[in-house]
Amino acid sequence: MDDNGTSLAELENSVTEENPIAVKSDMLGGDLTNEKWREYEFFVDDDSDVVCIYRIKNPQKLFIRKGGTTHRVLDAKGVVHCVPGVGQQGCVLRWKPRKGTEPVAF
């Protein structure tokens, strides 16, 4: 669920022919330009209350794959952040696509 209370399923359903984000894969996309930032909390371990917070400033586009365990967020600087889905353990992977290429092309 994002800061606006939108679930992944709702985001998947919000992508329509009128509101598409074109990607060269089976991923769907959505517009995040209404968000100033987006945060994710990760617990350090199951026995701890220590939380790591990962913040993405100025998110622009969201890329999701139905049934996937991660999603991708493109920020205003062109960096792509690959984030584990809710309930998944892991870390965030980020990259900057080469000029002239799609931010997510698989």
PDB file of N, CA and C in Angstrom:
ATOM      1  N   MET A   1       0.840  -1.172   0.000  1.00  0.00           N
ATOM      2  CA  MET A   1       0.000   0.000   0.000  1.00  0.00           C
ATOM      3  C   MET A   1       0.884   1.234   0.000  1.00  0.00           C
ATOM      4  N   ASP A   2       0.544   2.236  -0.788  1.00  0.00           N
ATOM      5  CA  ASP A   2       1.355   3.443  -0.833  1.00  0.00           C
ATOM      6  C   ASP A   2       0.844   4.484   0.160  1.00  0.00           C
ATOM      7  N   ASP A   3       1.474   5.670   0.171  1.00  0.00           N
ATOM      8  CA  ASP A   3       1.112   6.732   1.111  1.00  0.00           C
ATOM      9  C   ASP A   3      -0.325   7.218   0.941  1.00  0.00           C
ATOM     10  N   ASN A   4      -0.878   7.020  -0.214  1.00  0.00           N
ATOM     11  CA  ASN A   4      -2.249   7.458  -0.478  1.00  0.00           C
ATOM     12  C   ASN A   4      -3.265   6.374  -0.146  1.00  0.00           C
ATOM     13  N   GLY A   5      -2.804   5.258   0.420  1.00  0.00           N
ATOM     14  CA  GLY A   5      -3.700   4.162   0.768  1.00  0.00           C
ATOM     15  C   GLY A   5      -4.086   3.312  -0.419  1.00  0.00           C
ATOM     16  N   THR A   6      -3.311   3.367  -1.494  1.00  0.00           N
ATOM     17  CA  THR A   6      -3.602   2.607  -2.701  1.00  0.00           C
ATOM     18  C   THR A   6      -2.871   1.277  -2.657  1.00  0.00           C
ATOM     19  N   SER A   7      -3.599   0.188  -2.825  1.00  0.00           N
ATOM     20  CA  SER A   7      -2.976  -1.130  -2.811  1.00  0.00           C
ATOM     21  C   SER A   7      -2.378  -1.443  -4.173  1.00  0.00           C
ATOM     22  N   LEU A   8      -1.496  -2.450  -4.205  1.00  0.00           N
ATOM     23  CA  LEU A   8      -0.892  -2.883  -5.456  1.00  0.00           C
ATOM     24  C   LEU A   8      -1.970  -3.320  -6.440  1.00  0.00           C
ATOM     25  N   ALA A   9      -2.979  -4.036  -5.952  1.00  0.00           N
ATOM     26  CA  ALA A   9      -4.065  -4.478  -6.832  1.00  0.00           C
ATOM     27  C   ALA A   9      -4.795  -3.287  -7.441  1.00  0.00           C
ATOM     28  N   GLU A  10      -5.020  -2.246  -6.636  1.00  0.00           N
ATOM     29  CA  GLU A  10      -5.685  -1.049  -7.160  1.00  0.00           C
ATOM     30  C   GLU A  10      -4.819  -0.362  -8.210  1.00  0.00           C
ATOM     31  N   LEU A  11      -3.500  -0.318  -7.970  1.00  0.00           N
ATOM     32  CA  LEU A  11      -2.602   0.279  -8.954  1.00  0.00           C
ATOM     33  C   LEU A  11      -2.617  -0.514 -10.250  1.00  0.00           C
ATOM     34  N   GLU A  12      -2.612  -1.862 -10.119  1.00  0.00           N
ATOM     35  CA  GLU A  12      -2.668  -2.699 -11.311  1.00  0.00           C
ATOM     36  C   GLU A  12      -3.934  -2.401 -12.099  1.00  0.00           C
ATOM     37  N   ASN A  13      -5.045  -2.213 -11.393  1.00  0.00           N
ATOM     38  CA  ASN A  13      -6.324  -1.972 -12.058  1.00  0.00           C
ATOM     39  C   ASN A  13      -6.460  -0.550 -12.582  1.00  0.00           C
ATOM     40  N   SER A  14      -5.621   0.394 -12.086  1.00  0.00           N
ATOM     41  CA  SER A  14      -5.735   1.786 -12.506  1.00  0.00           C
ATOM     42  C   SER A  14      -5.071   2.052 -13.857  1.00  0.00           C
ATOM     43  N   VAL A  15      -4.272   1.123 -14.331  1.00  0.00           N
ATOM     44  CA  VAL A  15      -3.604   1.310 -15.621  1.00  0.00           C
ATOM     45  C   VAL A  15      -4.598   0.931 -16.713  1.00  0.00           C
ATOM     46  N   THR A  16      -4.947   1.901 -17.528  1.00  0.00           N
ATOM     47  CA  THR A  16      -5.929   1.686 -18.584  1.00  0.00           C
ATOM     48  C   THR A  16      -5.354   2.158 -19.911  1.00  0.00           C
ATOM     49  N   GLU A  17      -6.110   1.961 -20.959  1.00  0.00           N
ATOM     50  CA  GLU A  17      -5.672   2.445 -22.272  1.00  0.00           C
ATOM     51  C   GLU A  17      -5.540   3.963 -22.273  1.00  0.00           C
ATOM     52  N   GLU A  18      -6.360   4.653 -21.459  1.00  0.00           N
ATOM     53  CA  GLU A  18      -6.282   6.105 -21.389  1.00  0.00           C
ATOM     54  C   GLU A  18      -5.128   6.562 -20.503  1.00  0.00           C
ATOM     55  N   ASN A  19      -4.637   5.704 -19.590  1.00  0.00           N
ATOM     56  CA  ASN A  19      -3.592   6.074 -18.640  1.00  0.00           C
ATOM     57  C   ASN A  19      -2.475   5.040 -18.650  1.00  0.00           C
ATOM     58  N   PRO A  20      -1.857   4.785 -19.806  1.00  0.00           N
ATOM     59  CA  PRO A  20      -0.808   3.774 -19.846  1.00  0.00           C
ATOM     60  C   PRO A  20       0.575   4.373 -19.617  1.00  0.00           C
ATOM     61  N   ILE A  21       1.482   3.545 -19.198  1.00  0.00           N
ATOM     62  CA  ILE A  21       2.902   3.867 -19.234  1.00  0.00           C
ATOM     63  C   ILE A  21       3.492   2.773 -20.118  1.00  0.00           C
ATOM     64  N   ALA A  22       4.040   3.129 -21.259  1.00  0.00           N
ATOM     65  CA  ALA A  22       4.526   2.134 -22.211  1.00  0.00           C
ATOM     66  C   ALA A  22       5.850   1.541 -21.746  1.00  0.00           C
ATOM     67  N   VAL A  23       5.913   0.230 -21.660  1.00  0.00           N
ATOM     68  CA  VAL A  23       7.152  -0.480 -21.356  1.00  0.00           C
ATOM     69  C   VAL A  23       7.245  -1.672 -22.290  1.00  0.00           C
ATOM     70  N   LYS A  24       8.467  -2.117 -22.571  1.00  0.00           N
ATOM     71  CA  LYS A  24       8.680  -3.246 -23.475  1.00  0.00           C
ATOM     72  C   LYS A  24       8.727  -4.547 -22.693  1.00  0.00           C
ATOM     73  N   SER A  25       7.692  -4.850 -21.942  1.00  0.00           N
ATOM     74  CA  SER A  25       7.660  -6.072 -21.155  1.00  0.00           C
ATOM     75  C   SER A  25       6.234  -6.350 -20.748  1.00  0.00           C
ATOM     76  N   ASP A  26       6.082  -7.315 -19.839  1.00  0.00           N
ATOM     77  CA  ASP A  26       4.756  -7.624 -19.341  1.00  0.00           C
ATOM     78  C   ASP A  26       4.425  -6.785 -18.103  1.00  0.00           C
ATOM     79  N   MET A  27       5.197  -5.733 -17.859  1.00  0.00           N
ATOM     80  CA  MET A  27       4.952  -4.873 -16.705  1.00  0.00           C
ATOM     81  C   MET A  27       3.915  -3.813 -17.044  1.00  0.00           C
ATOM     82  N   LEU A  28       3.153  -3.418 -16.033  1.00  0.00           N
ATOM     83  CA  LEU A  28       2.199  -2.329 -16.135  1.00  0.00           C
ATOM     84  C   LEU A  28       2.818  -1.108 -15.481  1.00  0.00           C
ATOM     85  N   GLY A  29       2.330   0.056 -15.804  1.00  0.00           N
ATOM     86  CA  GLY A  29       2.895   1.267 -15.226  1.00  0.00           C
ATOM     87  C   GLY A  29       1.830   2.243 -14.795  1.00  0.00           C
ATOM     88  N   GLY A  30       2.227   3.146 -13.928  1.00  0.00           N
ATOM     89  CA  GLY A  30       1.314   4.172 -13.450  1.00  0.00           C
ATOM     90  C   GLY A  30       2.065   5.450 -13.128  1.00  0.00           C
ATOM     91  N   ASP A  31       1.337   6.551 -13.076  1.00  0.00           N
ATOM     92  CA  ASP A  31       1.898   7.874 -12.838  1.00  0.00           C
ATOM     93  C   ASP A  31       1.996   8.140 -11.338  1.00  0.00           C
ATOM     94  N   LEU A  32       3.177   8.530 -10.858  1.00  0.00           N
ATOM     95  CA  LEU A  32       3.388   8.859  -9.445  1.00  0.00           C
ATOM     96  C   LEU A  32       3.734  10.328  -9.245  1.00  0.00           C
ATOM     97  N   THR A  33       3.552  11.158 -10.247  1.00  0.00           N
ATOM     98  CA  THR A  33       3.998  12.545 -10.161  1.00  0.00           C
ATOM     99  C   THR A  33       3.244  13.358  -9.107  1.00  0.00           C
ATOM    100  N   ASN A  34       2.162  12.820  -8.577  1.00  0.00           N
ATOM    101  CA  ASN A  34       1.444  13.525  -7.515  1.00  0.00           C
ATOM    102  C   ASN A  34       2.080  13.298  -6.143  1.00  0.00           C
ATOM    103  N   GLU A  35       3.094  12.456  -6.054  1.00  0.00           N
ATOM    104  CA  GLU A  35       3.769  12.174  -4.789  1.00  0.00           C
ATOM    105  C   GLU A  35       5.065  12.988  -4.682  1.00  0.00           C
ATOM    106  N   LYS A  36       5.304  13.631  -3.519  1.00  0.00           N
ATOM    107  CA  LYS A  36       6.571  14.329  -3.280  1.00  0.00           C
ATOM    108  C   LYS A  36       7.667  13.320  -2.973  1.00  0.00           C
ATOM    109  N   TRP A  37       7.319  12.263  -2.256  1.00  0.00           N
ATOM    110  CA  TRP A  37       8.249  11.202  -1.909  1.00  0.00           C
ATOM    111  C   TRP A  37       7.471   9.941  -1.596  1.00  0.00           C
ATOM    112  N   ARG A  38       8.185   8.841  -1.543  1.00  0.00           N
ATOM    113  CA  ARG A  38       7.596   7.530  -1.253  1.00  0.00           C
ATOM    114  C   ARG A  38       8.586   6.816  -0.349  1.00  0.00           C
ATOM    115  N   GLU A  39       8.107   6.240   0.756  1.00  0.00           N
ATOM    116  CA  GLU A  39       8.981   5.557   1.713  1.00  0.00           C
ATOM    117  C   GLU A  39       8.589   4.102   1.868  1.00  0.00           C
ATOM    118  N   TYR A  40       9.619   3.290   2.125  1.00  0.00           N
ATOM    119  CA  TYR A  40       9.443   1.873   2.399  1.00  0.00           C
ATOM    120  C   TYR A  40      10.137   1.567   3.711  1.00  0.00           C
ATOM    121  N   GLU A  41       9.505   0.780   4.568  1.00  0.00           N
ATOM    122  CA  GLU A  41      10.099   0.372   5.840  1.00  0.00           C
ATOM    123  C   GLU A  41      10.488  -1.092   5.762  1.00  0.00           C
ATOM    124  N   PHE A  42      11.686  -1.399   6.230  1.00  0.00           N
ATOM    125  CA  PHE A  42      12.181  -2.772   6.280  1.00  0.00           C
ATOM    126  C   PHE A  42      12.627  -3.056   7.703  1.00  0.00           C
ATOM    127  N   PHE A  43      12.102  -4.115   8.316  1.00  0.00           N
ATOM    128  CA  PHE A  43      12.564  -4.518   9.634  1.00  0.00           C
ATOM    129  C   PHE A  43      13.915  -5.207   9.484  1.00  0.00           C
ATOM    130  N   VAL A  44      14.836  -4.902  10.397  1.00  0.00           N
ATOM    131  CA  VAL A  44      16.177  -5.469  10.341  1.00  0.00           C
ATOM    132  C   VAL A  44      16.113  -6.983  10.488  1.00  0.00           C
ATOM    133  N   ASP A  45      15.319  -7.485  11.429  1.00  0.00           N
ATOM    134  CA  ASP A  45      15.078  -8.927  11.570  1.00  0.00           C
ATOM    135  C   ASP A  45      13.761  -9.136  12.305  1.00  0.00           C
ATOM    136  N   ASP A  46      13.302 -10.375  12.365  1.00  0.00           N
ATOM    137  CA  ASP A  46      12.001 -10.682  12.956  1.00  0.00           C
ATOM    138  C   ASP A  46      11.946 -10.409  14.454  1.00  0.00           C
ATOM    139  N   ASP A  47      13.093 -10.440  15.141  1.00  0.00           N
ATOM    140  CA  ASP A  47      13.130 -10.268  16.590  1.00  0.00           C
ATOM    141  C   ASP A  47      13.457  -8.845  17.008  1.00  0.00           C
ATOM    142  N   SER A  48      13.425  -7.919  16.095  1.00  0.00           N
ATOM    143  CA  SER A  48      13.863  -6.562  16.384  1.00  0.00           C
ATOM    144  C   SER A  48      12.785  -5.559  16.004  1.00  0.00           C
ATOM    145  N   ASP A  49      12.785  -4.439  16.719  1.00  0.00           N
ATOM    146  CA  ASP A  49      11.912  -3.333  16.360  1.00  0.00           C
ATOM    147  C   ASP A  49      12.652  -2.297  15.527  1.00  0.00           C
ATOM    148  N   VAL A  50      13.893  -2.600  15.155  1.00  0.00           N
ATOM    149  CA  VAL A  50      14.705  -1.669  14.368  1.00  0.00           C
ATOM    150  C   VAL A  50      14.203  -1.678  12.923  1.00  0.00           C
ATOM    151  N   VAL A  51      13.974  -0.488  12.415  1.00  0.00           N
ATOM    152  CA  VAL A  51      13.431  -0.343  11.074  1.00  0.00           C
ATOM    153  C   VAL A  51      14.396   0.476  10.219  1.00  0.00           C
ATOM    154  N   CYS A  52      14.585   0.051   8.991  1.00  0.00           N
ATOM    155  CA  CYS A  52      15.350   0.815   8.009  1.00  0.00           C
ATOM    156  C   CYS A  52      14.324   1.454   7.072  1.00  0.00           C
ATOM    157  N   ILE A  53      14.454   2.748   6.838  1.00  0.00           N
ATOM    158  CA  ILE A  53      13.521   3.453   5.952  1.00  0.00           C
ATOM    159  C   ILE A  53      14.252   3.857   4.682  1.00  0.00           C
ATOM    160  N   TYR A  54      13.657   3.520   3.555  1.00  0.00           N
ATOM    161  CA  TYR A  54      14.197   3.861   2.243  1.00  0.00           C
ATOM    162  C   TYR A  54      13.240   4.858   1.608  1.00  0.00           C
ATOM    163  N   ARG A  55      13.722   6.067   1.299  1.00  0.00           N
ATOM    164  CA  ARG A  55      12.879   7.120   0.735  1.00  0.00           C
ATOM    165  C   ARG A  55      13.281   7.400  -0.712  1.00  0.00           C
ATOM    166  N   ILE A  56      12.270   7.518  -1.569  1.00  0.00           N
ATOM    167  CA  ILE A  56      12.469   7.906  -2.964  1.00  0.00           C
ATOM    168  C   ILE A  56      11.844   9.291  -3.130  1.00  0.00           C
ATOM    169  N   LYS A  57      12.681  10.272  -3.446  1.00  0.00           N
ATOM    170  CA  LYS A  57      12.199  11.640  -3.649  1.00  0.00           C
ATOM    171  C   LYS A  57      11.715  11.811  -5.085  1.00  0.00           C
ATOM    172  N   ASN A  58      10.637  12.537  -5.257  1.00  0.00           N
ATOM    173  CA  ASN A  58      10.069  12.866  -6.568  1.00  0.00           C
ATOM    174  C   ASN A  58       9.846  11.647  -7.467  1.00  0.00           C
ATOM    175  N   PRO A  59       9.096  10.645  -6.981  1.00  0.00           N
ATOM    176  CA  PRO A  59       8.809   9.502  -7.854  1.00  0.00           C
ATOM    177  C   PRO A  59       7.971   9.940  -9.046  1.00  0.00           C
ATOM    178  N   GLN A  60       8.256   9.348 -10.209  1.00  0.00           N
ATOM    179  CA  GLN A  60       7.570   9.731 -11.439  1.00  0.00           C
ATOM    180  C   GLN A  60       6.677   8.635 -12.004  1.00  0.00           C
ATOM    181  N   LYS A  61       7.219   7.409 -12.069  1.00  0.00           N
ATOM    182  CA  LYS A  61       6.468   6.300 -12.669  1.00  0.00           C
ATOM    183  C   LYS A  61       6.629   5.049 -11.821  1.00  0.00           C
ATOM    184  N   LEU A  62       5.581   4.254 -11.797  1.00  0.00           N
ATOM    185  CA  LEU A  62       5.584   2.968 -11.109  1.00  0.00           C
ATOM    186  C   LEU A  62       5.447   1.877 -12.157  1.00  0.00           C
ATOM    187  N   PHE A  63       6.248   0.832 -12.040  1.00  0.00           N
ATOM    188  CA  PHE A  63       6.173  -0.324 -12.928  1.00  0.00           C
ATOM    189  C   PHE A  63       5.923  -1.558 -12.082  1.00  0.00           C
ATOM    190  N   ILE A  64       4.886  -2.311 -12.403  1.00  0.00           N
ATOM    191  CA  ILE A  64       4.550  -3.521 -11.659  1.00  0.00           C
ATOM    192  C   ILE A  64       4.274  -4.658 -12.629  1.00  0.00           C
ATOM    193  N   ARG A  65       4.421  -5.853 -12.133  1.00  0.00           N
ATOM    194  CA  ARG A  65       4.114  -7.056 -12.908  1.00  0.00           C
ATOM    195  C   ARG A  65       3.132  -7.875 -12.078  1.00  0.00           C
ATOM    196  N   LYS A  66       2.000  -8.239 -12.662  1.00  0.00           N
ATOM    197  CA  LYS A  66       1.028  -9.051 -11.932  1.00  0.00           C
ATOM    198  C   LYS A  66       1.691 -10.323 -11.444  1.00  0.00           C
ATOM    199  N   GLY A  67       1.511 -10.606 -10.164  1.00  0.00           N
ATOM    200  CA  GLY A  67       2.080 -11.812  -9.578  1.00  0.00           C
ATOM    201  C   GLY A  67       3.535 -11.672  -9.193  1.00  0.00           C
ATOM    202  N   GLY A  68       4.140 -10.506  -9.456  1.00  0.00           N
ATOM    203  CA  GLY A  68       5.553 -10.293  -9.148  1.00  0.00           C
ATOM    204  C   GLY A  68       5.790 -10.044  -7.667  1.00  0.00           C
ATOM    205  N   THR A  69       7.038 -10.177  -7.243  1.00  0.00           N
ATOM    206  CA  THR A  69       7.395  -9.937  -5.846  1.00  0.00           C
ATOM    207  C   THR A  69       8.145  -8.623  -5.665  1.00  0.00           C
ATOM    208  N   THR A  70       8.321  -7.859  -6.753  1.00  0.00           N
ATOM    209  CA  THR A  70       8.962  -6.550  -6.688  1.00  0.00           C
ATOM    210  C   THR A  70       8.201  -5.578  -7.574  1.00  0.00           C
ATOM    211  N   HIS A  71       8.476  -4.298  -7.395  1.00  0.00           N
ATOM    212  CA  HIS A  71       8.012  -3.285  -8.331  1.00  0.00           C
ATOM    213  C   HIS A  71       9.134  -2.274  -8.511  1.00  0.00           C
ATOM    214  N   ARG A  72       9.039  -1.457  -9.535  1.00  0.00           N
ATOM    215  CA  ARG A  72      10.075  -0.485  -9.850  1.00  0.00           C
ATOM    216  C   ARG A  72       9.486   0.919  -9.829  1.00  0.00           C
ATOM    217  N   VAL A  73      10.282   1.854  -9.324  1.00  0.00           N
ATOM    218  CA  VAL A  73       9.880   3.259  -9.277  1.00  0.00           C
ATOM    219  C   VAL A  73      10.966   4.070  -9.974  1.00  0.00           C
ATOM    220  N   LEU A  74      10.558   4.879 -10.948  1.00  0.00           N
ATOM    221  CA  LEU A  74      11.463   5.779 -11.655  1.00  0.00           C
ATOM    222  C   LEU A  74      11.349   7.149 -10.995  1.00  0.00           C
ATOM    223  N   ASP A  75      12.496   7.722 -10.568  1.00  0.00           N
ATOM    224  CA  ASP A  75      12.446   9.037  -9.929  1.00  0.00           C
ATOM    225  C   ASP A  75      12.755  10.144 -10.939  1.00  0.00           C
ATOM    226  N   ALA A  76      12.680  11.410 -10.486  1.00  0.00           N
ATOM    227  CA  ALA A  76      12.862  12.561 -11.362  1.00  0.00           C
ATOM    228  C   ALA A  76      14.274  12.676 -11.915  1.00  0.00           C
ATOM    229  N   LYS A  77      15.259  12.027 -11.278  1.00  0.00           N
ATOM    230  CA  LYS A  77      16.634  12.052 -11.768  1.00  0.00           C
ATOM    231  C   LYS A  77      16.913  10.919 -12.746  1.00  0.00           C
ATOM    232  N   GLY A  78      15.896  10.101 -13.033  1.00  0.00           N
ATOM    233  CA  GLY A  78      16.055   9.004 -13.976  1.00  0.00           C
ATOM    234  C   GLY A  78      16.594   7.730 -13.367  1.00  0.00           C
ATOM    235  N   VAL A  79      16.667   7.669 -12.039  1.00  0.00           N
ATOM    236  CA  VAL A  79      17.138   6.461 -11.351  1.00  0.00           C
ATOM    237  C   VAL A  79      15.952   5.541 -11.121  1.00  0.00           C
ATOM    238  N   VAL A  80      16.136   4.247 -11.391  1.00  0.00           N
ATOM    239  CA  VAL A  80      15.107   3.243 -11.164  1.00  0.00           C
ATOM    240  C   VAL A  80      15.407   2.527  -9.855  1.00  0.00           C
ATOM    241  N   HIS A  81      14.394   2.407  -8.999  1.00  0.00           N
ATOM    242  CA  HIS A  81      14.507   1.730  -7.708  1.00  0.00           C
ATOM    243  C   HIS A  81      13.654   0.469  -7.784  1.00  0.00           C
ATOM    244  N   CYS A  82      14.247  -0.697  -7.534  1.00  0.00           N
ATOM    245  CA  CYS A  82      13.535  -1.970  -7.540  1.00  0.00           C
ATOM    246  C   CYS A  82      13.269  -2.351  -6.084  1.00  0.00           C
ATOM    247  N   VAL A  83      12.003  -2.372  -5.699  1.00  0.00           N
ATOM    248  CA  VAL A  83      11.608  -2.524  -4.308  1.00  0.00           C
ATOM    249  C   VAL A  83      10.854  -3.839  -4.112  1.00  0.00           C
ATOM    250  N   PRO A  84      11.184  -4.594  -3.048  1.00  0.00           N
ATOM    251  CA  PRO A  84      10.416  -5.799  -2.752  1.00  0.00           C
ATOM    252  C   PRO A  84       8.968  -5.446  -2.454  1.00  0.00           C
ATOM    253  N   GLY A  85       8.052  -6.309  -2.846  1.00  0.00           N
ATOM    254  CA  GLY A  85       6.645  -6.094  -2.565  1.00  0.00           C
ATOM    255  C   GLY A  85       6.349  -6.242  -1.080  1.00  0.00           C
ATOM    256  N   VAL A  86       5.172  -5.776  -0.668  1.00  0.00           N
ATOM    257  CA  VAL A  86       4.755  -5.877   0.727  1.00  0.00           C
ATOM    258  C   VAL A  86       4.803  -7.335   1.175  1.00  0.00           C
ATOM    259  N   GLY A  87       5.412  -7.572   2.327  1.00  0.00           N
ATOM    260  CA  GLY A  87       5.525  -8.926   2.860  1.00  0.00           C
ATOM    261  C   GLY A  87       6.754  -9.676   2.372  1.00  0.00           C
ATOM    262  N   GLN A  88       7.486  -9.099   1.407  1.00  0.00           N
ATOM    263  CA  GLN A  88       8.702  -9.728   0.896  1.00  0.00           C
ATOM    264  C   GLN A  88       9.903  -9.184   1.665  1.00  0.00           C
ATOM    265  N   GLN A  89      10.885 -10.016   1.912  1.00  0.00           N
ATOM    266  CA  GLN A  89      12.112  -9.574   2.570  1.00  0.00           C
ATOM    267  C   GLN A  89      13.116  -9.195   1.498  1.00  0.00           C
ATOM    268  N   GLY A  90      14.062  -8.368   1.846  1.00  0.00           N
ATOM    269  CA  GLY A  90      15.093  -8.047   0.873  1.00  0.00           C
ATOM    270  C   GLY A  90      15.570  -6.624   0.972  1.00  0.00           C
ATOM    271  N   CYS A  91      16.242  -6.202  -0.058  1.00  0.00           N
ATOM    272  CA  CYS A  91      16.799  -4.848  -0.106  1.00  0.00           C
ATOM    273  C   CYS A  91      16.285  -4.167  -1.357  1.00  0.00           C
ATOM    274  N   VAL A  92      16.651  -2.898  -1.492  1.00  0.00           N
ATOM    275  CA  VAL A  92      16.274  -2.130  -2.669  1.00  0.00           C
ATOM    276  C   VAL A  92      17.460  -2.096  -3.622  1.00  0.00           C
ATOM    277  N   LEU A  93      17.203  -2.376  -4.879  1.00  0.00           N
ATOM    278  CA  LEU A  93      18.203  -2.295  -5.936  1.00  0.00           C
ATOM    279  C   LEU A  93      17.870  -1.053  -6.751  1.00  0.00           C
ATOM    280  N   ARG A  94      18.867  -0.258  -7.121  1.00  0.00           N
ATOM    281  CA  ARG A  94      18.588   0.914  -7.947  1.00  0.00           C
ATOM    282  C   ARG A  94      19.603   1.020  -9.067  1.00  0.00           C
ATOM    283  N   TRP A  95      19.186   1.644 -10.180  1.00  0.00           N
ATOM    284  CA  TRP A  95      20.089   1.816 -11.310  1.00  0.00           C
ATOM    285  C   TRP A  95      19.660   3.027 -12.121  1.00  0.00           C
ATOM    286  N   LYS A  96      20.581   3.528 -12.916  1.00  0.00           N
ATOM    287  CA  LYS A  96      20.323   4.637 -13.840  1.00  0.00           C
ATOM    288  C   LYS A  96      20.422   4.061 -15.248  1.00  0.00           C
ATOM    289  N   PRO A  97      19.329   4.051 -16.008  1.00  0.00           N
ATOM    290  CA  PRO A  97      19.377   3.516 -17.367  1.00  0.00           C
ATOM    291  C   PRO A  97      20.273   4.358 -18.268  1.00  0.00           C
ATOM    292  N   ARG A  98      20.834   3.724 -19.270  1.00  0.00           N
ATOM    293  CA  ARG A  98      21.638   4.450 -20.258  1.00  0.00           C
ATOM    294  C   ARG A  98      20.733   5.381 -21.060  1.00  0.00           C
ATOM    295  N   LYS A  99      21.286   6.472 -21.504  1.00  0.00           N
ATOM    296  CA  LYS A  99      20.537   7.466 -22.280  1.00  0.00           C
ATOM    297  C   LYS A  99      19.916   6.814 -23.508  1.00  0.00           C
ATOM    298  N   GLY A 100      18.659   7.126 -23.757  1.00  0.00           N
ATOM    299  CA  GLY A 100      17.977   6.620 -24.938  1.00  0.00           C
ATOM    300  C   GLY A 100      17.369   5.232 -24.776  1.00  0.00           C
ATOM    301  N   THR A 101      17.466   4.645 -23.567  1.00  0.00           N
ATOM    302  CA  THR A 101      16.886   3.323 -23.338  1.00  0.00           C
ATOM    303  C   THR A 101      15.679   3.441 -22.423  1.00  0.00           C
ATOM    304  N   GLU A 102      14.849   2.431 -22.429  1.00  0.00           N
ATOM    305  CA  GLU A 102      13.692   2.379 -21.528  1.00  0.00           C
ATOM    306  C   GLU A 102      14.186   2.174 -20.092  1.00  0.00           C
ATOM    307  N   PRO A 103      13.529   2.763 -19.097  1.00  0.00           N
ATOM    308  CA  PRO A 103      13.956   2.571 -17.721  1.00  0.00           C
ATOM    309  C   PRO A 103      13.772   1.129 -17.253  1.00  0.00           C
ATOM    310  N   VAL A 104      12.739   0.469 -17.758  1.00  0.00           N
ATOM    311  CA  VAL A 104      12.469  -0.928 -17.429  1.00  0.00           C
ATOM    312  C   VAL A 104      12.170  -1.627 -18.750  1.00  0.00           C
ATOM    313  N   ALA A 105      13.039  -2.549 -19.165  1.00  0.00           N
ATOM    314  CA  ALA A 105      12.889  -3.156 -20.487  1.00  0.00           C
ATOM    315  C   ALA A 105      12.980  -4.679 -20.443  1.00  0.00           C
ATOM    316  N   PHE A 106      12.286  -5.281 -19.509  1.00  0.00           N
ATOM    317  CA  PHE A 106      12.260  -6.748 -19.450  1.00  0.00           C
ATOM    318  C   PHE A 106      10.927  -7.224 -18.940  1.00  0.00           C
TER     319      PHE A 106
END
